[in-house]
């Protein structure tokens, strides 16, 4: 492989690593900052995670040149790092099963930090706010229901998938 080429597999591994690194940083902040600044700092972390997703979604829509639900559903359903399966996609709704996620790979790091494996249940709802922000940044008329909101967080428990649902906001 030349220096100018990057295999799809390696690209997916690098993206998964970057997602895991971002998640690890946020996880450490969630764990460490409340002792120093109080629990209200968690609201700032949640907002920052959402805002970062919003900017990423807005930039992605601008780069792609479309911001409709089907295109976004295909984007979420085509992100190989999550090994997704598009269950349903239409102008009104997209349902995607993510069959892989970098976050559960962080459990050994959580354990090294003195946290239990169940800490992932604290972290995922905060990390998922990035996806909520991404969807609303992509198109303010859309909304995401992420795995913690839906209750399908099976990857946390060694299961088969987590579910993401994207819909138009009710007016």
N, C-alpha and C. Protein backbone atom coordinates (compact mmCIF):
# COMPACT_ATOMS: atom_id res chain seq x y z
N UNK A 1 0.85 -1.18 0.00
CA UNK A 1 0.00 0.00 0.00
C UNK A 1 0.89 1.24 0.00
N UNK A 2 0.59 2.17 -0.89
CA UNK A 2 1.37 3.41 -0.94
C UNK A 2 0.93 4.35 0.18
N UNK A 3 1.69 5.39 0.38
CA UNK A 3 1.35 6.37 1.41
C UNK A 3 0.06 7.13 1.09
N UNK A 4 -0.36 7.11 -0.16
CA UNK A 4 -1.56 7.84 -0.57
C UNK A 4 -2.83 7.03 -0.44
N UNK A 5 -2.72 5.74 -0.16
CA UNK A 5 -3.89 4.88 -0.11
C UNK A 5 -4.16 4.42 1.31
N UNK A 6 -5.42 4.25 1.60
CA UNK A 6 -5.84 3.77 2.90
C UNK A 6 -6.94 2.75 2.65
N UNK A 7 -6.72 1.54 3.11
CA UNK A 7 -7.74 0.51 2.88
C UNK A 7 -8.99 0.84 3.68
N UNK A 8 -10.13 0.36 3.20
CA UNK A 8 -11.40 0.57 3.87
C UNK A 8 -11.37 -0.03 5.27
N UNK A 9 -10.79 -1.20 5.41
CA UNK A 9 -10.68 -1.85 6.72
C UNK A 9 -9.87 -1.00 7.69
N UNK A 10 -8.72 -0.51 7.25
CA UNK A 10 -7.89 0.31 8.12
C UNK A 10 -8.60 1.61 8.47
N UNK A 11 -9.28 2.20 7.51
CA UNK A 11 -10.04 3.42 7.76
C UNK A 11 -11.09 3.17 8.85
N UNK A 12 -11.82 2.07 8.75
CA UNK A 12 -12.82 1.73 9.77
C UNK A 12 -12.18 1.53 11.14
N UNK A 13 -11.04 0.87 11.17
CA UNK A 13 -10.34 0.67 12.45
C UNK A 13 -9.91 2.01 13.04
N UNK A 14 -9.41 2.91 12.21
CA UNK A 14 -8.99 4.23 12.69
C UNK A 14 -10.17 5.04 13.20
N UNK A 15 -11.28 5.00 12.47
CA UNK A 15 -12.48 5.72 12.91
C UNK A 15 -12.99 5.14 14.23
N UNK A 16 -13.02 3.82 14.34
CA UNK A 16 -13.45 3.18 15.59
C UNK A 16 -12.54 3.60 16.74
N UNK A 17 -11.25 3.67 16.47
CA UNK A 17 -10.31 4.10 17.49
C UNK A 17 -10.53 5.53 17.92
N UNK A 18 -10.82 6.41 16.96
CA UNK A 18 -11.09 7.81 17.28
C UNK A 18 -12.38 7.96 18.07
N UNK A 19 -13.41 7.20 17.70
CA UNK A 19 -14.66 7.23 18.45
C UNK A 19 -14.42 6.74 19.87
N UNK A 20 -13.69 5.65 20.00
CA UNK A 20 -13.39 5.11 21.33
C UNK A 20 -12.58 6.11 22.16
N UNK A 21 -11.63 6.78 21.54
CA UNK A 21 -10.82 7.77 22.26
C UNK A 21 -11.69 8.93 22.75
N UNK A 22 -12.55 9.45 21.88
CA UNK A 22 -13.47 10.53 22.30
C UNK A 22 -14.34 10.05 23.45
N UNK A 23 -14.85 8.85 23.33
CA UNK A 23 -15.71 8.30 24.38
C UNK A 23 -14.94 8.10 25.69
N UNK A 24 -13.70 7.69 25.60
CA UNK A 24 -12.89 7.50 26.80
C UNK A 24 -12.64 8.84 27.49
N UNK A 25 -12.33 9.86 26.72
CA UNK A 25 -12.11 11.19 27.29
C UNK A 25 -13.37 11.67 28.01
N UNK A 26 -14.51 11.58 27.32
CA UNK A 26 -15.77 12.01 27.93
C UNK A 26 -16.08 11.16 29.16
N UNK A 27 -15.81 9.87 29.09
CA UNK A 27 -16.06 8.98 30.23
C UNK A 27 -15.24 9.38 31.45
N UNK A 28 -13.98 9.71 31.24
CA UNK A 28 -13.14 10.15 32.35
C UNK A 28 -13.64 11.47 32.92
N UNK A 29 -14.07 12.38 32.05
CA UNK A 29 -14.60 13.65 32.53
C UNK A 29 -15.87 13.44 33.36
N UNK A 30 -16.74 12.55 32.89
CA UNK A 30 -17.97 12.23 33.62
C UNK A 30 -17.64 11.69 35.01
N UNK A 31 -16.61 10.88 35.09
CA UNK A 31 -16.24 10.26 36.36
C UNK A 31 -15.49 11.21 37.29
N UNK A 32 -14.58 12.00 36.74
CA UNK A 32 -13.67 12.78 37.59
C UNK A 32 -14.14 14.19 37.94
N UNK A 33 -14.83 14.86 37.04
CA UNK A 33 -15.14 16.27 37.27
C UNK A 33 -16.19 16.54 38.35
N UNK A 34 -17.23 15.71 38.50
CA UNK A 34 -18.21 16.02 39.55
C UNK A 34 -17.62 16.12 40.96
N UNK A 35 -16.60 15.34 41.26
CA UNK A 35 -15.97 15.43 42.58
C UNK A 35 -15.36 16.81 42.81
N UNK A 36 -14.86 17.40 41.75
CA UNK A 36 -14.19 18.70 41.85
C UNK A 36 -15.16 19.88 41.70
N UNK A 37 -16.15 19.74 40.78
CA UNK A 37 -17.01 20.86 40.44
C UNK A 37 -18.49 20.65 40.77
N UNK A 38 -18.84 19.49 41.29
CA UNK A 38 -20.24 19.20 41.59
C UNK A 38 -20.93 18.54 40.41
N UNK A 39 -22.08 17.94 40.69
CA UNK A 39 -22.81 17.20 39.67
C UNK A 39 -23.32 18.07 38.52
N UNK A 40 -23.47 19.39 38.76
CA UNK A 40 -23.97 20.25 37.69
C UNK A 40 -23.02 20.29 36.49
N UNK A 41 -21.76 19.93 36.69
CA UNK A 41 -20.81 19.88 35.57
C UNK A 41 -21.23 18.85 34.53
N UNK A 42 -22.00 17.84 34.96
CA UNK A 42 -22.47 16.82 34.02
C UNK A 42 -23.38 17.44 32.95
N UNK A 43 -24.15 18.45 33.33
CA UNK A 43 -25.00 19.12 32.35
C UNK A 43 -24.16 19.82 31.29
N UNK A 44 -23.04 20.40 31.70
CA UNK A 44 -22.13 21.03 30.75
C UNK A 44 -21.52 20.00 29.80
N UNK A 45 -21.16 18.84 30.33
CA UNK A 45 -20.59 17.77 29.51
C UNK A 45 -21.63 17.28 28.51
N UNK A 46 -22.87 17.10 28.97
CA UNK A 46 -23.95 16.67 28.07
C UNK A 46 -24.14 17.69 26.95
N UNK A 47 -24.20 18.96 27.31
CA UNK A 47 -24.41 20.02 26.32
C UNK A 47 -23.25 20.08 25.33
N UNK A 48 -22.03 19.96 25.82
CA UNK A 48 -20.87 19.99 24.93
C UNK A 48 -20.90 18.82 23.95
N UNK A 49 -21.30 17.65 24.42
CA UNK A 49 -21.37 16.48 23.55
C UNK A 49 -22.44 16.68 22.48
N UNK A 50 -23.61 17.19 22.88
CA UNK A 50 -24.68 17.48 21.93
C UNK A 50 -24.22 18.53 20.92
N UNK A 51 -23.62 19.62 21.42
CA UNK A 51 -23.19 20.71 20.54
C UNK A 51 -22.15 20.24 19.52
N UNK A 52 -21.23 19.39 19.95
CA UNK A 52 -20.22 18.85 19.01
C UNK A 52 -20.90 18.04 17.92
N UNK A 53 -21.89 17.24 18.30
CA UNK A 53 -22.65 16.48 17.31
C UNK A 53 -23.41 17.38 16.36
N UNK A 54 -24.00 18.45 16.89
CA UNK A 54 -24.76 19.40 16.07
C UNK A 54 -23.87 20.00 14.99
N UNK A 55 -22.69 20.44 15.37
CA UNK A 55 -21.74 21.02 14.41
C UNK A 55 -21.34 19.97 13.37
N UNK A 56 -21.06 18.75 13.82
CA UNK A 56 -20.67 17.69 12.88
C UNK A 56 -21.80 17.39 11.91
N UNK A 57 -23.04 17.32 12.39
CA UNK A 57 -24.18 17.05 11.52
C UNK A 57 -24.42 18.17 10.52
N UNK A 58 -24.31 19.39 10.97
CA UNK A 58 -24.49 20.55 10.09
C UNK A 58 -23.42 20.55 9.00
N UNK A 59 -22.18 20.28 9.39
CA UNK A 59 -21.09 20.24 8.41
C UNK A 59 -21.24 19.08 7.44
N UNK A 60 -21.70 17.94 7.92
CA UNK A 60 -21.90 16.78 7.04
C UNK A 60 -22.99 17.07 6.01
N UNK A 61 -24.10 17.66 6.44
CA UNK A 61 -25.18 17.99 5.50
C UNK A 61 -24.70 18.98 4.45
N UNK A 62 -23.93 19.95 4.89
CA UNK A 62 -23.39 20.94 3.96
C UNK A 62 -22.45 20.27 2.95
N UNK A 63 -21.60 19.37 3.42
CA UNK A 63 -20.64 18.68 2.54
C UNK A 63 -21.35 17.77 1.55
N UNK A 64 -22.40 17.10 1.99
CA UNK A 64 -23.12 16.17 1.12
C UNK A 64 -24.07 16.91 0.19
N UNK A 65 -24.57 18.06 0.64
CA UNK A 65 -25.46 18.85 -0.20
C UNK A 65 -26.92 18.48 -0.07
N UNK A 66 -27.25 17.62 0.87
CA UNK A 66 -28.64 17.22 1.13
C UNK A 66 -28.79 17.08 2.64
N UNK A 67 -30.01 17.29 3.12
CA UNK A 67 -30.23 17.10 4.55
C UNK A 67 -31.56 16.40 4.85
N UNK A 68 -31.98 15.54 3.93
CA UNK A 68 -33.24 14.83 4.12
C UNK A 68 -33.05 13.58 4.99
N UNK A 69 -34.17 13.04 5.45
CA UNK A 69 -34.14 11.89 6.36
C UNK A 69 -33.57 10.64 5.70
N UNK A 70 -33.94 10.37 4.47
CA UNK A 70 -33.45 9.16 3.80
C UNK A 70 -31.92 9.20 3.65
N UNK A 71 -31.38 10.33 3.23
CA UNK A 71 -29.93 10.44 3.09
C UNK A 71 -29.25 10.25 4.44
N UNK A 72 -29.80 10.85 5.49
CA UNK A 72 -29.23 10.68 6.83
C UNK A 72 -29.34 9.23 7.29
N UNK A 73 -30.48 8.60 7.04
CA UNK A 73 -30.64 7.19 7.39
C UNK A 73 -29.62 6.31 6.67
N UNK A 74 -29.38 6.62 5.40
CA UNK A 74 -28.37 5.87 4.65
C UNK A 74 -26.97 6.12 5.19
N UNK A 75 -26.71 7.37 5.63
CA UNK A 75 -25.41 7.68 6.23
C UNK A 75 -25.22 6.90 7.53
N UNK A 76 -26.21 6.95 8.42
CA UNK A 76 -26.13 6.19 9.67
C UNK A 76 -26.07 4.69 9.39
N UNK A 77 -26.81 4.26 8.39
CA UNK A 77 -26.84 2.84 8.04
C UNK A 77 -25.66 2.38 7.21
N UNK A 78 -24.83 3.31 6.78
CA UNK A 78 -23.67 2.97 5.96
C UNK A 78 -22.35 3.16 6.68
N UNK A 79 -22.41 3.46 7.96
CA UNK A 79 -21.20 3.69 8.75
C UNK A 79 -20.65 2.35 9.20
N UNK A 80 -19.75 1.80 8.41
CA UNK A 80 -19.28 0.43 8.60
C UNK A 80 -18.76 0.14 9.99
N UNK A 81 -18.20 1.14 10.66
CA UNK A 81 -17.61 0.92 11.97
C UNK A 81 -18.65 0.37 12.96
N UNK A 82 -19.94 0.65 12.72
CA UNK A 82 -20.99 0.15 13.60
C UNK A 82 -21.65 -1.12 13.06
N UNK A 83 -21.19 -1.62 11.93
CA UNK A 83 -21.77 -2.81 11.31
C UNK A 83 -23.30 -2.70 11.31
N UNK A 84 -23.83 -1.65 10.68
CA UNK A 84 -25.25 -1.37 10.79
C UNK A 84 -26.11 -2.24 9.88
N UNK A 85 -27.38 -2.30 10.25
CA UNK A 85 -28.39 -2.91 9.41
C UNK A 85 -29.56 -1.93 9.37
N UNK A 86 -29.94 -1.52 8.16
CA UNK A 86 -31.10 -0.65 8.02
C UNK A 86 -32.33 -1.54 8.06
N UNK A 87 -33.13 -1.37 9.09
CA UNK A 87 -34.34 -2.17 9.27
C UNK A 87 -35.49 -1.55 8.50
N UNK A 88 -35.55 -0.23 8.51
CA UNK A 88 -36.63 0.50 7.84
C UNK A 88 -36.08 1.86 7.43
N UNK A 89 -36.47 2.31 6.24
CA UNK A 89 -36.07 3.66 5.82
C UNK A 89 -37.13 4.21 4.89
N UNK A 90 -37.59 5.43 5.19
CA UNK A 90 -38.58 6.12 4.37
C UNK A 90 -38.41 7.62 4.60
N UNK A 91 -39.25 8.40 3.95
CA UNK A 91 -39.20 9.86 4.13
C UNK A 91 -39.61 10.26 5.55
N UNK A 92 -40.27 9.35 6.27
CA UNK A 92 -40.79 9.66 7.60
C UNK A 92 -39.97 9.07 8.74
N UNK A 93 -39.23 7.99 8.46
CA UNK A 93 -38.60 7.27 9.58
C UNK A 93 -37.48 6.36 9.09
N UNK A 94 -36.43 6.29 9.89
CA UNK A 94 -35.35 5.33 9.64
C UNK A 94 -35.10 4.58 10.95
N UNK A 95 -34.98 3.27 10.84
CA UNK A 95 -34.65 2.42 12.00
C UNK A 95 -33.38 1.67 11.65
N UNK A 96 -32.37 1.85 12.47
CA UNK A 96 -31.06 1.24 12.21
C UNK A 96 -30.64 0.44 13.42
N UNK A 97 -30.15 -0.77 13.17
CA UNK A 97 -29.53 -1.57 14.23
C UNK A 97 -28.02 -1.45 14.08
N UNK A 98 -27.37 -0.97 15.12
CA UNK A 98 -25.91 -0.97 15.15
C UNK A 98 -25.49 -2.28 15.79
N UNK A 99 -24.71 -3.07 15.06
CA UNK A 99 -24.32 -4.40 15.52
C UNK A 99 -22.91 -4.43 16.12
N UNK A 100 -22.25 -3.28 16.10
CA UNK A 100 -20.92 -3.16 16.71
C UNK A 100 -20.77 -1.72 17.19
N UNK A 101 -20.03 -1.56 18.27
CA UNK A 101 -19.82 -0.22 18.82
C UNK A 101 -18.48 -0.20 19.55
N UNK A 102 -17.71 0.87 19.37
CA UNK A 102 -16.42 0.95 20.06
C UNK A 102 -16.54 1.15 21.57
N UNK A 103 -17.67 1.63 22.06
CA UNK A 103 -17.78 1.97 23.49
C UNK A 103 -17.60 0.75 24.40
N UNK A 104 -18.25 -0.39 24.14
CA UNK A 104 -18.02 -1.52 25.05
C UNK A 104 -16.56 -1.99 25.12
N UNK A 105 -15.76 -1.63 24.12
CA UNK A 105 -14.34 -2.00 24.18
C UNK A 105 -13.61 -1.23 25.28
N UNK A 106 -14.26 -0.21 25.83
CA UNK A 106 -13.65 0.61 26.88
C UNK A 106 -13.80 0.01 28.27
N UNK A 107 -14.56 -1.04 28.41
CA UNK A 107 -14.80 -1.62 29.74
C UNK A 107 -13.50 -1.94 30.47
N UNK A 108 -12.47 -2.52 29.82
CA UNK A 108 -11.21 -2.72 30.56
C UNK A 108 -10.61 -1.41 31.09
N UNK A 109 -10.72 -0.33 30.31
CA UNK A 109 -10.21 0.97 30.78
C UNK A 109 -11.04 1.46 31.97
N UNK A 110 -12.35 1.22 31.93
CA UNK A 110 -13.20 1.59 33.06
C UNK A 110 -12.76 0.81 34.30
N UNK A 111 -12.52 -0.48 34.12
CA UNK A 111 -12.08 -1.32 35.24
C UNK A 111 -10.75 -0.82 35.80
N UNK A 112 -9.82 -0.42 34.92
CA UNK A 112 -8.53 0.12 35.37
C UNK A 112 -8.71 1.40 36.17
N UNK A 113 -9.77 2.14 35.87
CA UNK A 113 -10.08 3.39 36.57
C UNK A 113 -10.79 3.11 37.91
N UNK A 114 -11.06 1.82 38.17
CA UNK A 114 -11.75 1.45 39.40
C UNK A 114 -13.26 1.45 39.26
N UNK A 115 -13.74 1.48 38.02
CA UNK A 115 -15.17 1.50 37.76
C UNK A 115 -15.64 0.10 37.37
N UNK A 116 -16.89 -0.18 37.62
CA UNK A 116 -17.43 -1.49 37.26
C UNK A 116 -17.79 -1.49 35.77
N UNK A 117 -18.01 -2.66 35.26
CA UNK A 117 -18.40 -2.81 33.85
C UNK A 117 -19.74 -2.12 33.59
N UNK A 118 -20.57 -1.97 34.61
CA UNK A 118 -21.88 -1.34 34.43
C UNK A 118 -21.77 0.18 34.26
N UNK A 119 -20.57 0.74 34.42
CA UNK A 119 -20.37 2.18 34.21
C UNK A 119 -20.80 2.58 32.80
N UNK A 120 -20.75 1.65 31.87
CA UNK A 120 -21.16 1.93 30.49
C UNK A 120 -22.61 2.40 30.45
N UNK A 121 -23.42 1.95 31.40
CA UNK A 121 -24.82 2.37 31.44
C UNK A 121 -24.95 3.84 31.86
N UNK A 122 -23.96 4.37 32.54
CA UNK A 122 -23.92 5.79 32.89
C UNK A 122 -23.41 6.60 31.70
N UNK A 123 -22.43 6.06 31.01
CA UNK A 123 -21.74 6.78 29.95
C UNK A 123 -22.55 6.85 28.65
N UNK A 124 -23.16 5.76 28.24
CA UNK A 124 -23.83 5.73 26.93
C UNK A 124 -24.89 6.82 26.75
N UNK A 125 -25.78 7.07 27.72
CA UNK A 125 -26.77 8.13 27.49
C UNK A 125 -26.14 9.50 27.26
N UNK A 126 -25.00 9.75 27.86
CA UNK A 126 -24.32 11.03 27.67
C UNK A 126 -23.62 11.06 26.32
N UNK A 127 -22.96 9.97 25.96
CA UNK A 127 -22.27 9.89 24.67
C UNK A 127 -23.25 9.95 23.51
N UNK A 128 -24.42 9.35 23.67
CA UNK A 128 -25.41 9.32 22.60
C UNK A 128 -25.94 10.70 22.26
N UNK A 129 -25.77 11.66 23.16
CA UNK A 129 -26.21 13.02 22.86
C UNK A 129 -25.49 13.59 21.64
N UNK A 130 -24.30 13.08 21.35
CA UNK A 130 -23.59 13.47 20.12
C UNK A 130 -24.46 13.12 18.92
N UNK A 131 -25.05 11.92 18.92
CA UNK A 131 -25.89 11.50 17.79
C UNK A 131 -27.16 12.33 17.71
N UNK A 132 -27.77 12.65 18.87
CA UNK A 132 -28.94 13.53 18.86
C UNK A 132 -28.57 14.87 18.23
N UNK A 133 -27.44 15.43 18.63
CA UNK A 133 -26.99 16.69 18.07
C UNK A 133 -26.70 16.58 16.59
N UNK A 134 -26.08 15.47 16.17
CA UNK A 134 -25.75 15.27 14.76
C UNK A 134 -27.02 15.32 13.92
N UNK A 135 -28.05 14.59 14.35
CA UNK A 135 -29.30 14.53 13.59
C UNK A 135 -29.94 15.92 13.50
N UNK A 136 -30.00 16.64 14.61
CA UNK A 136 -30.64 17.95 14.61
C UNK A 136 -29.78 19.00 13.90
N UNK A 137 -28.46 18.83 13.90
CA UNK A 137 -27.60 19.69 13.12
C UNK A 137 -27.76 19.42 11.63
N UNK A 138 -27.94 18.16 11.28
CA UNK A 138 -28.17 17.74 9.90
C UNK A 138 -29.43 18.41 9.37
N UNK A 139 -30.49 18.35 10.17
CA UNK A 139 -31.77 18.93 9.78
C UNK A 139 -32.57 19.20 11.05
N UNK A 140 -32.80 20.46 11.39
CA UNK A 140 -33.50 20.79 12.64
C UNK A 140 -34.93 20.25 12.72
N UNK A 141 -35.46 19.74 11.61
CA UNK A 141 -36.80 19.16 11.63
C UNK A 141 -36.79 17.67 11.91
N UNK A 142 -35.59 17.11 12.15
CA UNK A 142 -35.47 15.68 12.45
C UNK A 142 -35.06 15.49 13.90
N UNK A 143 -35.33 14.30 14.41
CA UNK A 143 -34.90 13.95 15.77
C UNK A 143 -34.47 12.49 15.80
N UNK A 144 -33.59 12.20 16.73
CA UNK A 144 -33.12 10.83 16.91
C UNK A 144 -33.57 10.32 18.27
N UNK A 145 -33.96 9.06 18.28
CA UNK A 145 -34.14 8.33 19.52
C UNK A 145 -32.98 7.35 19.54
N UNK A 146 -32.11 7.52 20.50
CA UNK A 146 -30.91 6.71 20.57
C UNK A 146 -31.14 5.50 21.48
N UNK A 147 -30.22 4.55 21.45
CA UNK A 147 -30.44 3.31 22.22
C UNK A 147 -30.87 3.53 23.68
N UNK A 148 -30.25 4.44 24.44
CA UNK A 148 -30.71 4.61 25.83
C UNK A 148 -32.16 5.09 25.93
N UNK A 149 -32.61 5.89 24.95
CA UNK A 149 -33.99 6.39 24.97
C UNK A 149 -34.98 5.30 24.58
N UNK A 150 -34.59 4.45 23.66
CA UNK A 150 -35.45 3.38 23.17
C UNK A 150 -35.44 2.20 24.13
N UNK A 151 -34.32 2.01 24.77
CA UNK A 151 -34.19 0.87 25.68
C UNK A 151 -33.56 -0.35 25.04
N UNK A 152 -33.15 -0.23 23.78
CA UNK A 152 -32.49 -1.34 23.10
C UNK A 152 -30.99 -1.08 23.09
N UNK A 153 -30.36 -1.42 24.19
CA UNK A 153 -28.92 -1.19 24.38
C UNK A 153 -28.20 -2.52 24.57
N UNK A 154 -28.55 -3.49 23.76
CA UNK A 154 -28.05 -4.84 23.95
C UNK A 154 -26.53 -4.97 23.83
N UNK A 155 -25.88 -4.11 23.04
CA UNK A 155 -24.42 -4.21 22.91
C UNK A 155 -23.73 -3.97 24.24
N UNK A 156 -24.36 -3.19 25.13
CA UNK A 156 -23.79 -2.97 26.46
C UNK A 156 -23.69 -4.28 27.24
N UNK A 157 -24.60 -5.18 26.93
CA UNK A 157 -24.70 -6.42 27.69
C UNK A 157 -24.22 -7.63 26.90
N UNK A 158 -23.48 -7.39 25.84
CA UNK A 158 -22.99 -8.49 25.01
C UNK A 158 -24.01 -9.02 24.04
N UNK A 159 -25.09 -8.26 23.82
CA UNK A 159 -26.15 -8.69 22.90
C UNK A 159 -25.81 -8.40 21.46
N UNK A 160 -26.83 -8.46 20.62
CA UNK A 160 -26.61 -8.39 19.17
C UNK A 160 -26.61 -6.98 18.58
N UNK A 161 -27.38 -6.03 19.15
CA UNK A 161 -27.45 -4.72 18.53
C UNK A 161 -28.02 -3.67 19.48
N UNK A 162 -27.81 -2.42 19.11
CA UNK A 162 -28.48 -1.26 19.70
C UNK A 162 -29.28 -0.61 18.57
N UNK A 163 -30.40 0.01 18.91
CA UNK A 163 -31.29 0.58 17.91
C UNK A 163 -31.27 2.10 17.94
N UNK A 164 -31.25 2.70 16.75
CA UNK A 164 -31.39 4.14 16.57
C UNK A 164 -32.59 4.36 15.66
N UNK A 165 -33.47 5.28 16.05
CA UNK A 165 -34.63 5.63 15.24
C UNK A 165 -34.55 7.13 14.94
N UNK A 166 -34.66 7.47 13.66
CA UNK A 166 -34.65 8.87 13.23
C UNK A 166 -36.02 9.16 12.63
N UNK A 167 -36.66 10.24 13.09
CA UNK A 167 -37.99 10.61 12.61
C UNK A 167 -38.05 12.12 12.39
N UNK A 168 -39.12 12.53 11.71
CA UNK A 168 -39.41 13.96 11.62
C UNK A 168 -40.01 14.39 12.95
N UNK A 169 -39.65 15.61 13.36
CA UNK A 169 -40.23 16.14 14.61
C UNK A 169 -41.70 16.41 14.40
N UNK A 170 -42.46 16.15 15.43
CA UNK A 170 -43.89 16.46 15.38
C UNK A 170 -44.05 17.96 15.53
N UNK A 171 -44.90 18.53 14.69
CA UNK A 171 -45.11 19.99 14.71
C UNK A 171 -46.27 20.35 15.59
